[in-house]
C-alpha atoms as a PDB file:
ATOM      1  CA  UNK A   1     138.889  61.423 -24.087  1.00  0.00           C
ATOM      2  CA  UNK A   2     140.708  60.467 -20.890  1.00  0.00           C
ATOM      3  CA  UNK A   3     137.732  61.718 -18.919  1.00  0.00           C
ATOM      4  CA  UNK A   4     135.359  59.396 -20.821  1.00  0.00           C
ATOM      5  CA  UNK A   5     137.606  56.387 -20.295  1.00  0.00           C
ATOM      6  CA  UNK A   6     137.881  57.158 -16.569  1.00  0.00           C
ATOM      7  CA  UNK A   7     134.124  57.753 -16.326  1.00  0.00           C
ATOM      8  CA  UNK A   8     133.195  54.441 -17.941  1.00  0.00           C
ATOM      9  CA  UNK A   9     135.830  52.544 -15.981  1.00  0.00           C
ATOM     10  CA  UNK A  10     134.361  53.859 -12.722  1.00  0.00           C
ATOM     11  CA  UNK A  11     130.765  53.178 -13.822  1.00  0.00           C
ATOM     12  CA  UNK A  12     131.681  49.652 -14.975  1.00  0.00           C
ATOM     13  CA  UNK A  13     133.398  48.863 -11.664  1.00  0.00           C
ATOM     14  CA  UNK A  14     130.539  50.292  -9.581  1.00  0.00           C
ATOM     15  CA  UNK A  15     127.929  48.433 -11.651  1.00  0.00           C
ATOM     16  CA  UNK A  16     129.719  45.130 -11.133  1.00  0.00           C
ATOM     17  CA  UNK A  17     130.345  45.904  -7.453  1.00  0.00           C
ATOM     18  CA  UNK A  18     126.709  46.708  -6.649  1.00  0.00           C
ATOM     19  CA  UNK A  19     125.454  43.693  -8.599  1.00  0.00           C
ATOM     20  CA  UNK A  20     127.762  41.340  -6.696  1.00  0.00           C
ATOM     21  CA  UNK A  21     126.984  43.001  -3.354  1.00  0.00           C
ATOM     22  CA  UNK A  22     123.255  42.575  -4.003  1.00  0.00           C
ATOM     23  CA  UNK A  23     123.806  38.882  -4.780  1.00  0.00           C
ATOM     24  CA  UNK A  24     125.831  38.364  -1.591  1.00  0.00           C
ATOM     25  CA  UNK A  25     123.274  40.227   0.498  1.00  0.00           C
ATOM     26  CA  UNK A  26     120.417  38.230  -1.029  1.00  0.00           C
ATOM     27  CA  UNK A  27     122.030  35.012   0.184  1.00  0.00           C
ATOM     28  CA  UNK A  28     122.751  36.395   3.664  1.00  0.00           C
ATOM     29  CA  UNK A  29     119.392  38.167   4.126  1.00  0.00           C
ATOM     30  CA  UNK A  30     121.177  41.477   4.627  1.00  0.00           C
ATOM     31  CA  UNK A  31     119.855  44.786   3.357  1.00  0.00           C
ATOM     32  CA  UNK A  32     119.729  44.635  -0.427  1.00  0.00           C
ATOM     33  CA  UNK A  33     120.813  47.130  -3.024  1.00  0.00           C
ATOM     34  CA  UNK A  34     117.614  48.805  -4.244  1.00  0.00           C
ATOM     35  CA  UNK A  35     116.686  47.894  -7.810  1.00  0.00           C
ATOM     36  CA  UNK A  36     116.474  51.631  -8.545  1.00  0.00           C
ATOM     37  CA  UNK A  37     120.208  51.903  -7.836  1.00  0.00           C
ATOM     38  CA  UNK A  38     121.038  49.051 -10.215  1.00  0.00           C
ATOM     39  CA  UNK A  39     118.872  50.563 -12.969  1.00  0.00           C
ATOM     40  CA  UNK A  40     120.440  53.977 -12.320  1.00  0.00           C
ATOM     41  CA  UNK A  41     123.939  52.586 -12.892  1.00  0.00           C
ATOM     42  CA  UNK A  42     122.711  50.802 -16.019  1.00  0.00           C
ATOM     43  CA  UNK A  43     121.463  54.113 -17.450  1.00  0.00           C
ATOM     44  CA  UNK A  44     124.739  55.812 -16.531  1.00  0.00           C
ATOM     45  CA  UNK A  45     126.577  53.383 -18.807  1.00  0.00           C
ATOM     46  CA  UNK A  46     126.967  50.231 -16.746  1.00  0.00           C
ATOM     47  CA  UNK A  47     124.324  48.096 -18.458  1.00  0.00           C
ATOM     48  CA  UNK A  48     126.778  45.891 -20.374  1.00  0.00           C
ATOM     49  CA  UNK A  49     128.997  44.869 -17.430  1.00  0.00           C
ATOM     50  CA  UNK A  50     125.942  44.556 -15.183  1.00  0.00           C
ATOM     51  CA  UNK A  51     124.152  42.252 -17.639  1.00  0.00           C
ATOM     52  CA  UNK A  52     127.252  40.089 -18.081  1.00  0.00           C
ATOM     53  CA  UNK A  53     127.797  39.931 -14.309  1.00  0.00           C
ATOM     54  CA  UNK A  54     124.173  38.970 -13.678  1.00  0.00           C
ATOM     55  CA  UNK A  55     124.445  36.154 -16.210  1.00  0.00           C
ATOM     56  CA  UNK A  56     127.751  34.882 -14.746  1.00  0.00           C
ATOM     57  CA  UNK A  57     126.659  34.922 -11.096  1.00  0.00           C
ATOM     58  CA  UNK A  58     123.042  33.989 -11.951  1.00  0.00           C
ATOM     59  CA  UNK A  59     121.549  36.980 -10.217  1.00  0.00           C
ATOM     60  CA  UNK A  60     118.158  38.460 -11.161  1.00  0.00           C
ATOM     61  CA  UNK A  61     118.044  36.258 -14.257  1.00  0.00           C
ATOM     62  CA  UNK A  62     114.348  35.605 -13.667  1.00  0.00           C
ATOM     63  CA  UNK A  63     113.539  39.319 -13.466  1.00  0.00           C
ATOM     64  CA  UNK A  64     112.305  40.674 -16.806  1.00  0.00           C
ATOM     65  CA  UNK A  65     113.128  44.168 -15.581  1.00  0.00           C
ATOM     66  CA  UNK A  66     116.791  43.210 -15.876  1.00  0.00           C
ATOM     67  CA  UNK A  67     116.966  40.436 -18.471  1.00  0.00           C
ATOM     68  CA  UNK A  68     114.891  42.412 -20.980  1.00  0.00           C
ATOM     69  CA  UNK A  69     115.423  45.904 -19.587  1.00  0.00           C
ATOM     70  CA  UNK A  70     119.217  45.881 -19.624  1.00  0.00           C
ATOM     71  CA  UNK A  71     119.480  44.794 -23.282  1.00  0.00           C
ATOM     72  CA  UNK A  72     116.956  47.514 -24.162  1.00  0.00           C
ATOM     73  CA  UNK A  73     119.046  50.083 -22.301  1.00  0.00           C
ATOM     74  CA  UNK A  74     122.151  48.822 -24.146  1.00  0.00           C
ATOM     75  CA  UNK A  75     120.350  49.125 -27.489  1.00  0.00           C
ATOM     76  CA  UNK A  76     119.147  52.631 -26.636  1.00  0.00           C
ATOM     77  CA  UNK A  77     122.685  53.670 -25.616  1.00  0.00           C
ATOM     78  CA  UNK A  78     124.151  52.216 -28.823  1.00  0.00           C
ATOM     79  CA  UNK A  79     121.662  54.178 -30.929  1.00  0.00           C
ATOM     80  CA  UNK A  80     122.537  57.371 -29.048  1.00  0.00           C
ATOM     81  CA  UNK A  81     126.261  56.673 -29.508  1.00  0.00           C
ATOM     82  CA  UNK A  82     125.818  56.086 -33.248  1.00  0.00           C
ATOM     83  CA  UNK A  83     123.848  59.335 -33.595  1.00  0.00           C
ATOM     84  CA  UNK A  84     126.538  61.248 -31.678  1.00  0.00           C
ATOM     85  CA  UNK A  85     129.332  59.751 -33.790  1.00  0.00           C
ATOM     86  CA  UNK A  86     127.452  60.601 -36.995  1.00  0.00           C
ATOM     87  CA  UNK A  87     126.924  64.170 -35.806  1.00  0.00           C
ATOM     88  CA  UNK A  88     130.599  64.543 -34.885  1.00  0.00           C
ATOM     89  CA  UNK A  89     131.800  63.067 -38.187  1.00  0.00           C
ATOM     90  CA  UNK A  90     129.593  65.468 -40.160  1.00  0.00           C
ATOM     91  CA  UNK A  91     131.206  68.549 -38.622  1.00  0.00           C
END
């Protein structure tokens, strides 16, 4: 259990960090964080903090890949979590 908490804490922090860094770099014309990296962290469990961060800092809010994609990833992850919890409770 401690491992899962640590894992998600790290993924949440990295998801927020890379989202903010991409926003800062977009304003300064520096090298950007590839969208593949942001999507990767979303799939690893960082979709919720990334979506919230994007809404707060108004970053990529016009990109359907993120504004529709992240909620779909969240929904998919919730379904998986529910199925896992059901399987565990049945044992």
